[in-house]
Amino acid sequence: MLAVYFINAIGAIAGLCFLISYFATALKDERKKLQEEKEKTTAQDAQLVKQHASLELLQQQTQQMLGRVEVLFGQQVSEEIAKEMLASEQEIDAKDYEATIMFMDIRNFTDFADQHATPEIAEFQNTLFGELIDIVKAHHGVVLQVLGDGIMAVFGAPVVSEQHARFGLLLLWRCFRKWRRWA
């Protein structure tokens, strides 16, 4: 009888050893899978961090570029017109407008340029055209072109205005009063 108990005990111990071995192997396999998943996740996290940094850099560059575009656009177009153009869902197509176009150039500019150094000429033009562009914008106009000693602006397009001629004349009157000493 003792032999039966002994055999049963050995069988139970063998069964327990088998179960322990089985679960240890299974646990080892699961631990290995978890470690592989952790390494994979860590690599993915590092990749996501790099992508996030890259996207942040692209976003910064885009914001800087948009800022530059806004500044350049703002030099030519009043804030009111810029907002209307940017808010438009449609493309800006060629259209017919009733508008006022102003052409203006600096009288005797060639003589002035012949008598002054290049930096002085550039400063004079930048000052004059900078002020003139501000005046055009203040009168709801759009500067179409600054070329050499001339400027071309339009009133009443692309934003329609019934008072386009009035705005153009007001601008000319203001310019004449401001710079009459050069007239």
Protein backbone atom coordinates (compact mmCIF):
# COMPACT_ATOMS: atom_id res chain seq x y z
CA MET A 1 0.00 0.00 0.00
CA LEU A 2 2.87 2.25 0.75
CA ALA A 3 4.14 1.54 -2.71
CA VAL A 4 0.83 2.75 -4.21
CA TYR A 5 1.08 5.99 -2.24
CA PHE A 6 4.66 6.31 -3.25
CA ILE A 7 3.82 5.78 -6.92
CA ASN A 8 0.89 8.22 -6.66
CA ALA A 9 3.15 10.80 -5.00
CA ILE A 10 5.80 10.37 -7.69
CA GLY A 11 3.07 10.69 -10.35
CA ALA A 12 1.72 13.84 -8.70
CA ILE A 13 5.22 15.30 -8.41
CA ALA A 14 5.93 14.43 -12.05
CA GLY A 15 2.62 16.00 -13.08
CA LEU A 16 3.43 19.13 -11.07
CA CYS A 17 6.91 19.26 -12.62
CA PHE A 18 5.36 18.94 -16.08
CA LEU A 19 2.84 21.72 -15.31
CA ILE A 20 5.53 23.93 -13.83
CA SER A 21 7.75 23.31 -16.85
CA TYR A 22 4.84 23.96 -19.23
CA PHE A 23 3.81 27.21 -17.51
CA ALA A 24 7.43 28.35 -17.18
CA THR A 25 7.94 27.83 -20.91
CA ALA A 26 4.64 29.55 -21.71
CA LEU A 27 5.54 32.41 -19.37
CA LYS A 28 8.98 32.66 -20.94
CA ASP A 29 7.38 32.78 -24.41
CA GLU A 30 4.88 35.45 -23.29
CA ARG A 31 7.67 37.46 -21.66
CA LYS A 32 9.64 37.25 -24.91
CA LYS A 33 6.57 38.40 -26.88
CA LEU A 34 6.01 41.26 -24.45
CA GLN A 35 9.66 42.29 -24.72
CA GLU A 36 9.42 42.22 -28.53
CA GLU A 37 6.22 44.29 -28.38
CA LYS A 38 7.91 46.73 -25.98
CA GLU A 39 10.88 47.11 -28.33
CA LYS A 40 8.55 47.53 -31.30
CA THR A 41 6.45 50.09 -29.40
CA THR A 42 9.57 51.93 -28.26
CA ALA A 43 10.80 52.09 -31.86
CA GLN A 44 7.36 53.30 -32.99
CA ASP A 45 7.34 55.91 -30.22
CA ALA A 46 10.77 57.15 -31.31
CA GLN A 47 9.55 57.31 -34.91
CA LEU A 48 6.42 59.21 -33.81
CA VAL A 49 8.55 61.65 -31.82
CA LYS A 50 10.70 62.25 -34.91
CA GLN A 51 7.61 62.68 -37.09
CA HIS A 52 6.08 65.06 -34.54
CA ALA A 53 9.27 67.13 -34.45
CA SER A 54 9.36 67.14 -38.24
CA LEU A 55 5.71 68.23 -38.40
CA GLU A 56 6.33 70.98 -35.85
CA LEU A 57 9.26 72.22 -37.93
CA LEU A 58 7.11 72.14 -41.08
CA GLN A 59 4.36 73.98 -39.24
CA GLN A 60 6.84 76.63 -38.09
CA GLN A 61 8.24 77.01 -41.59
CA THR A 62 4.72 77.23 -43.02
CA GLN A 63 3.77 79.88 -40.46
CA GLN A 64 6.92 81.86 -41.28
CA MET A 65 6.22 81.59 -44.99
CA LEU A 66 2.59 82.63 -44.46
CA GLY A 67 3.82 85.55 -42.38
CA ARG A 68 6.12 86.64 -45.19
CA VAL A 69 3.34 86.23 -47.76
CA GLU A 70 1.02 88.22 -45.51
CA VAL A 71 3.60 90.99 -45.16
CA LEU A 72 4.28 91.08 -48.90
CA PHE A 73 0.57 90.88 -49.71
CA GLY A 74 -0.15 93.54 -47.11
CA GLN A 75 2.33 95.89 -48.77
CA GLN A 76 0.28 95.82 -51.94
CA VAL A 77 -3.29 95.38 -50.74
CA SER A 78 -5.25 96.97 -47.93
CA GLU A 79 -6.25 94.73 -45.03
CA GLU A 80 -9.90 95.07 -46.02
CA ILE A 81 -9.26 93.86 -49.57
CA ALA A 82 -6.88 91.12 -48.42
CA LYS A 83 -9.50 89.76 -46.01
CA GLU A 84 -12.17 89.77 -48.70
CA MET A 85 -9.89 88.06 -51.21
CA LEU A 86 -8.71 85.43 -48.71
CA ALA A 87 -12.24 84.80 -47.43
CA SER A 88 -13.52 84.14 -50.94
CA GLU A 89 -14.08 80.45 -51.53
CA GLN A 90 -13.86 80.93 -55.27
CA GLU A 91 -10.79 81.50 -57.36
CA ILE A 92 -10.20 85.04 -58.44
CA ASP A 93 -11.29 84.95 -62.06
CA ALA A 94 -10.91 87.61 -64.70
CA LYS A 95 -13.89 89.93 -64.46
CA ASP A 96 -15.00 93.24 -65.86
CA TYR A 97 -15.00 96.07 -63.33
CA GLU A 98 -15.85 99.70 -63.44
CA ALA A 99 -12.77 101.03 -61.74
CA THR A 100 -10.37 103.94 -61.54
CA ILE A 101 -6.74 103.34 -62.42
CA MET A 102 -4.03 105.75 -61.33
CA PHE A 103 -0.61 106.08 -62.95
CA MET A 104 1.91 108.31 -61.23
CA ASP A 105 5.61 108.88 -61.69
CA ILE A 106 8.20 111.12 -60.09
CA ARG A 107 8.72 114.30 -62.06
CA ASN A 108 12.35 114.92 -63.12
CA PHE A 109 13.46 111.67 -61.56
CA THR A 110 16.24 111.16 -64.10
CA ASP A 111 17.81 114.50 -63.18
CA PHE A 112 17.45 113.64 -59.48
CA ALA A 113 19.04 110.22 -60.02
CA ASP A 114 21.95 111.74 -61.94
CA GLN A 115 22.73 114.08 -59.03
CA HIS A 116 22.49 111.59 -56.13
CA ALA A 117 24.22 108.40 -54.99
CA THR A 118 22.44 105.09 -55.38
CA PRO A 119 21.74 104.63 -51.62
CA GLU A 120 20.14 108.10 -51.49
CA ILE A 121 17.99 107.31 -54.53
CA ALA A 122 16.87 104.01 -53.02
CA GLU A 123 16.05 105.65 -49.68
CA PHE A 124 14.10 108.40 -51.44
CA GLN A 125 12.09 105.88 -53.49
CA ASN A 126 11.46 103.57 -50.54
CA THR A 127 10.26 106.47 -48.41
CA LEU A 128 8.10 108.00 -51.13
CA PHE A 129 6.58 104.75 -52.40
CA GLY A 130 6.14 103.42 -48.86
CA GLU A 131 4.07 106.47 -47.96
CA LEU A 132 2.24 106.35 -51.29
CA ILE A 133 1.35 102.68 -50.87
CA ASP A 134 -0.05 103.45 -47.40
CA ILE A 135 -2.13 106.29 -48.89
CA VAL A 136 -3.42 104.01 -51.67
CA LYS A 137 -4.46 101.41 -49.09
CA ALA A 138 -6.10 104.05 -46.92
CA HIS A 139 -8.26 104.99 -49.93
CA HIS A 140 -9.32 101.36 -50.60
CA GLY A 141 -6.96 100.97 -53.54
CA VAL A 142 -4.65 98.21 -54.67
CA VAL A 143 -1.11 98.85 -55.88
CA LEU A 144 -0.71 96.90 -59.08
CA GLN A 145 2.88 97.78 -59.86
CA VAL A 146 5.82 99.85 -58.69
CA LEU A 147 8.35 100.16 -61.45
CA GLY A 148 11.34 102.50 -61.44
CA ASP A 149 9.96 105.92 -60.62
CA GLY A 150 6.32 105.03 -61.31
CA ILE A 151 3.40 103.42 -59.58
CA MET A 152 0.09 102.05 -60.83
CA ALA A 153 -2.90 101.54 -58.55
CA VAL A 154 -6.55 100.62 -59.02
CA PHE A 155 -9.66 101.63 -57.07
CA GLY A 156 -12.87 99.59 -57.26
CA ALA A 157 -11.32 96.21 -58.08
CA PRO A 158 -11.11 93.44 -57.00
CA VAL A 159 -13.41 94.74 -54.27
CA VAL A 160 -16.23 96.57 -56.02
CA SER A 161 -16.79 100.12 -54.85
CA GLU A 162 -19.28 102.65 -56.17
CA GLN A 163 -16.92 105.38 -54.94
CA HIS A 164 -13.81 104.23 -56.81
CA ALA A 165 -13.41 107.52 -58.71
CA ARG A 166 -13.83 109.51 -55.51
CA PHE A 167 -11.18 107.41 -53.75
CA GLY A 168 -8.76 107.92 -56.65
CA LEU A 169 -9.29 111.68 -56.68
CA LEU A 170 -8.97 111.90 -52.89
CA LEU A 171 -5.68 110.05 -53.13
CA LEU A 172 -4.36 112.40 -55.80
CA TRP A 173 -5.46 115.45 -53.80
CA ARG A 174 -3.79 114.09 -50.67
CA CYS A 175 -0.59 113.33 -52.59
CA PHE A 176 -0.59 116.75 -54.22
CA ARG A 177 -0.95 118.49 -50.85
CA LYS A 178 1.69 116.29 -49.23
CA TRP A 179 4.28 116.62 -51.97
CA ARG A 180 3.39 119.91 -53.69
CA ARG A 181 6.90 121.21 -53.09
CA TRP A 182 8.05 118.68 -55.73
CA ALA A 183 5.24 119.40 -58.18
